């Protein structure tokens, strides 16, 4: 199950763009970003700063630098405490705990992300948060994972959220063994459709990534 979602797995990469070859913790301070009117959804400069910090946290996590990822996640939470940053910070926080071998500790940030997304009626955030919480619950041996993941897979399909659809189907195959082959086939189908529309560089990265499935399994 851990292979479906961990440090640099599909859930992290679906939300966080990759940047420099050697991620670091260096980022301009809040004062260098300039002034802007605050947006309730965090689509402004402080929100962008939080996104960048979370992106760096995910990059460091992918390199196994868990302590650095934790520090960056804390800085992101300090940079922006609005709903969108809270949800995304919950995703990264859960992945940090999963990568560090603490599945029980992953449940709280994952649940915060899910509950915040639901309260805001943010469809895409709800789908991804359901996947993250479902994986955390499953890894921690707690109940509720199956319902969350299957609902996420159904909604990703219904609303054509393809970048999440293939991930949800992959995880659904783990929680619903009776339909595992069907879910894996659908995951491959959607993933290949997404990759067909990417540029050659992204295609090459996807083909070389150990996290992107290339076969029927």
Protein backbone atom coordinates (compact mmCIF):
# COMPACT_ATOMS: atom_id res chain seq x y z
CA UNK A 1 0.00 0.00 0.00
CA UNK A 2 2.83 2.39 0.80
CA UNK A 3 3.86 2.33 -2.86
CA UNK A 4 0.59 4.00 -3.84
CA UNK A 5 1.41 7.11 -1.85
CA UNK A 6 4.69 8.11 -0.35
CA UNK A 7 7.48 10.62 -0.47
CA UNK A 8 7.54 11.36 -4.17
CA UNK A 9 4.58 9.27 -5.19
CA UNK A 10 1.65 10.30 -7.36
CA UNK A 11 -0.20 12.25 -4.74
CA UNK A 12 2.76 14.49 -4.04
CA UNK A 13 3.61 15.00 -7.69
CA UNK A 14 0.02 15.73 -8.67
CA UNK A 15 0.03 18.87 -6.50
CA UNK A 16 3.61 20.03 -6.47
CA UNK A 17 5.67 21.16 -9.46
CA UNK A 18 9.29 20.08 -9.55
CA UNK A 19 11.88 22.78 -9.76
CA UNK A 20 15.64 22.84 -9.37
CA UNK A 21 17.80 19.73 -9.45
CA UNK A 22 18.98 20.22 -5.89
CA UNK A 23 16.10 21.46 -3.73
CA UNK A 24 17.07 23.72 -0.88
CA UNK A 25 15.37 25.63 1.87
CA UNK A 26 16.32 29.02 0.42
CA UNK A 27 13.35 31.22 -0.41
CA UNK A 28 12.89 35.01 -0.34
CA UNK A 29 11.42 36.39 2.86
CA UNK A 30 7.86 37.74 3.02
CA UNK A 31 9.05 41.32 2.64
CA UNK A 32 10.59 40.63 -0.76
CA UNK A 33 7.27 39.51 -2.22
CA UNK A 34 5.73 42.95 -2.17
CA UNK A 35 2.33 44.06 -0.94
CA UNK A 36 -0.97 42.66 -2.19
CA UNK A 37 -4.58 42.59 -1.18
CA UNK A 38 -5.30 39.44 0.78
CA UNK A 39 -7.35 36.85 -1.05
CA UNK A 40 -9.57 34.59 1.11
CA UNK A 41 -8.55 31.58 -0.98
CA UNK A 42 -4.83 32.25 -0.79
CA UNK A 43 -4.41 33.02 -4.50
CA UNK A 44 -2.04 35.89 -3.78
CA UNK A 45 1.60 36.44 -2.88
CA UNK A 46 1.50 34.94 0.64
CA UNK A 47 -0.37 31.98 -0.83
CA UNK A 48 2.25 31.64 -3.55
CA UNK A 49 4.96 31.67 -0.91
CA UNK A 50 3.22 28.85 0.97
CA UNK A 51 2.87 26.88 -2.27
CA UNK A 52 6.57 27.33 -3.01
CA UNK A 53 7.57 26.21 0.48
CA UNK A 54 5.33 23.15 0.24
CA UNK A 55 6.83 22.39 -3.16
CA UNK A 56 10.32 22.53 -1.68
CA UNK A 57 9.14 20.34 1.21
CA UNK A 58 7.89 17.71 -1.25
CA UNK A 59 11.15 17.91 -3.23
CA UNK A 60 13.23 17.40 -0.09
CA UNK A 61 10.96 14.56 0.96
CA UNK A 62 11.55 12.89 -2.41
CA UNK A 63 15.29 13.04 -1.69
CA UNK A 64 14.83 11.49 1.74
CA UNK A 65 15.53 14.75 3.57
CA UNK A 66 12.68 14.38 6.04
CA UNK A 67 13.95 16.90 8.59
CA UNK A 68 14.28 19.57 5.91
CA UNK A 69 10.81 18.71 4.62
CA UNK A 70 9.40 19.17 8.13
CA UNK A 71 11.02 22.57 8.54
CA UNK A 72 9.73 23.75 5.20
CA UNK A 73 6.21 22.51 5.97
CA UNK A 74 6.27 24.49 9.23
CA UNK A 75 7.38 27.62 7.37
CA UNK A 76 4.58 27.13 4.86
CA UNK A 77 2.02 26.95 7.67
CA UNK A 78 3.43 30.16 9.12
CA UNK A 79 3.31 31.89 5.73
CA UNK A 80 -0.38 31.24 5.09
CA UNK A 81 -3.06 29.87 7.42
CA UNK A 82 -6.01 30.13 5.05
CA UNK A 83 -8.01 27.13 3.88
CA UNK A 84 -6.14 26.32 0.68
CA UNK A 85 -2.71 26.33 2.32
CA UNK A 86 -4.14 24.36 5.25
CA UNK A 87 -5.41 21.64 2.93
CA UNK A 88 -2.20 21.40 0.93
CA UNK A 89 -0.11 21.56 4.07
CA UNK A 90 -2.14 18.65 5.42
CA UNK A 91 -1.29 16.59 2.34
CA UNK A 92 2.42 17.23 2.71
CA UNK A 93 2.32 16.76 6.48
CA UNK A 94 0.66 13.37 6.06
CA UNK A 95 3.20 12.29 3.46
CA UNK A 96 6.06 13.33 5.72
CA UNK A 97 4.74 11.11 8.50
CA UNK A 98 4.13 8.22 6.12
CA UNK A 99 7.64 8.53 4.72
CA UNK A 100 9.04 8.67 8.27
CA UNK A 101 7.26 5.44 9.21
CA UNK A 102 4.63 7.10 11.44
CA UNK A 103 1.29 6.22 9.82
CA UNK A 104 -0.69 6.98 12.98
CA UNK A 105 0.73 10.52 13.03
CA UNK A 106 -0.21 10.93 9.36
CA UNK A 107 -3.92 10.63 10.12
CA UNK A 108 -4.33 13.99 11.89
CA UNK A 109 -2.94 16.25 9.11
CA UNK A 110 -4.72 14.17 6.49
CA UNK A 111 -8.01 14.48 8.36
CA UNK A 112 -7.54 18.24 8.81
CA UNK A 113 -7.00 18.57 5.06
CA UNK A 114 -10.12 16.52 4.30
CA UNK A 115 -12.38 18.33 6.76
CA UNK A 116 -11.15 21.75 5.61
CA UNK A 117 -11.74 20.89 1.95
CA UNK A 118 -15.22 19.58 2.70
CA UNK A 119 -16.09 22.72 4.66
CA UNK A 120 -15.06 24.83 1.66
CA UNK A 121 -16.88 22.60 -0.86
CA UNK A 122 -13.66 22.48 -2.88
CA UNK A 123 -14.29 19.48 -5.14
CA UNK A 124 -10.79 18.79 -6.38
CA UNK A 125 -9.29 19.32 -2.93
CA UNK A 126 -11.90 16.97 -1.46
CA UNK A 127 -11.00 14.22 -3.92
CA UNK A 128 -7.29 14.44 -3.26
CA UNK A 129 -7.79 14.81 0.49
CA UNK A 130 -9.95 11.67 0.45
CA UNK A 131 -7.13 9.76 -1.19
CA UNK A 132 -4.52 11.05 1.26
CA UNK A 133 -6.69 10.37 4.31
CA UNK A 134 -7.68 6.96 2.96
CA UNK A 135 -4.05 5.95 2.55
CA UNK A 136 -3.16 7.26 6.02
CA UNK A 137 -6.03 5.36 7.62
CA UNK A 138 -5.13 2.18 5.77
CA UNK A 139 -1.45 2.46 6.73
CA UNK A 140 -2.42 3.10 10.35
CA UNK A 141 -4.77 0.10 10.40
CA UNK A 142 -7.80 2.29 11.06
CA UNK A 143 -11.28 2.04 9.57
CA UNK A 144 -12.79 4.21 6.87
CA UNK A 145 -10.16 3.98 4.14
CA UNK A 146 -12.20 1.94 1.67
CA UNK A 147 -15.19 4.27 1.62
CA UNK A 148 -13.05 7.39 1.22
CA UNK A 149 -10.91 6.00 -1.58
CA UNK A 150 -13.76 4.50 -3.58
CA UNK A 151 -15.73 7.75 -3.30
CA UNK A 152 -12.67 9.66 -4.47
CA UNK A 153 -12.25 7.32 -7.44
CA UNK A 154 -15.91 7.72 -8.38
CA UNK A 155 -15.79 11.52 -8.15
CA UNK A 156 -12.50 11.77 -10.04
CA UNK A 157 -14.11 9.77 -12.84
CA UNK A 158 -17.37 11.71 -12.73
CA UNK A 159 -15.76 15.14 -12.86
CA UNK A 160 -12.93 14.10 -15.22
CA UNK A 161 -10.17 14.99 -12.81
CA UNK A 162 -7.69 12.92 -14.79
CA UNK A 163 -4.54 13.89 -12.88
CA UNK A 164 -6.22 12.47 -9.76
CA UNK A 165 -8.30 9.80 -11.50
CA UNK A 166 -5.40 7.49 -12.24
CA UNK A 167 -4.03 7.91 -8.70
CA UNK A 168 -7.41 7.22 -7.11
CA UNK A 169 -7.86 4.13 -9.27
CA UNK A 170 -4.41 2.85 -8.26
CA UNK A 171 -5.25 3.16 -4.57
CA UNK A 172 -8.77 1.80 -5.11
CA UNK A 173 -7.20 -1.38 -6.47
CA UNK A 174 -5.57 -1.88 -3.06
CA UNK A 175 -8.73 -1.36 -1.02
CA UNK A 176 -11.14 -3.25 -3.31
CA UNK A 177 -9.44 -6.54 -4.28
CA UNK A 178 -12.53 -7.83 -6.07
CA UNK A 179 -12.22 -5.03 -8.64
CA UNK A 180 -8.46 -4.57 -8.47
CA UNK A 181 -7.84 -5.57 -12.09
CA UNK A 182 -10.54 -3.21 -13.32
CA UNK A 183 -9.13 -0.29 -11.31
CA UNK A 184 -5.56 -0.95 -12.44
CA UNK A 185 -6.62 -1.07 -16.06
CA UNK A 186 -8.49 2.21 -15.69
CA UNK A 187 -5.50 3.79 -13.95
CA UNK A 188 -3.23 2.84 -16.85
CA UNK A 189 -5.78 4.04 -19.39
CA UNK A 190 -6.17 7.49 -17.82
CA UNK A 191 -2.46 7.91 -17.12
CA UNK A 192 -1.52 7.17 -20.71
CA UNK A 193 -4.17 9.63 -21.92
CA UNK A 194 -2.72 12.33 -19.66
CA UNK A 195 0.86 11.66 -20.75
CA UNK A 196 -0.06 11.82 -24.43
CA UNK A 197 -0.78 15.52 -23.96
CA UNK A 198 2.47 16.35 -22.16
CA UNK A 199 5.64 17.72 -23.69
CA UNK A 200 8.61 15.40 -24.45
CA UNK A 201 10.49 16.45 -21.31
CA UNK A 202 7.62 15.54 -18.98
CA UNK A 203 7.06 12.30 -20.87
CA UNK A 204 10.72 11.34 -20.39
CA UNK A 205 10.59 12.15 -16.67
CA UNK A 206 7.42 10.09 -16.28
CA UNK A 207 8.93 7.13 -18.09
CA UNK A 208 12.04 7.25 -15.91
CA UNK A 209 10.15 7.73 -12.64
CA UNK A 210 9.88 4.68 -10.35
CA UNK A 211 6.54 6.05 -9.14
CA UNK A 212 4.76 6.08 -12.47
CA UNK A 213 3.36 2.66 -13.41
CA UNK A 214 4.48 1.43 -16.80
CA UNK A 215 2.91 -2.03 -16.81
CA UNK A 216 -0.46 -3.58 -16.03
CA UNK A 217 0.37 -4.19 -12.36
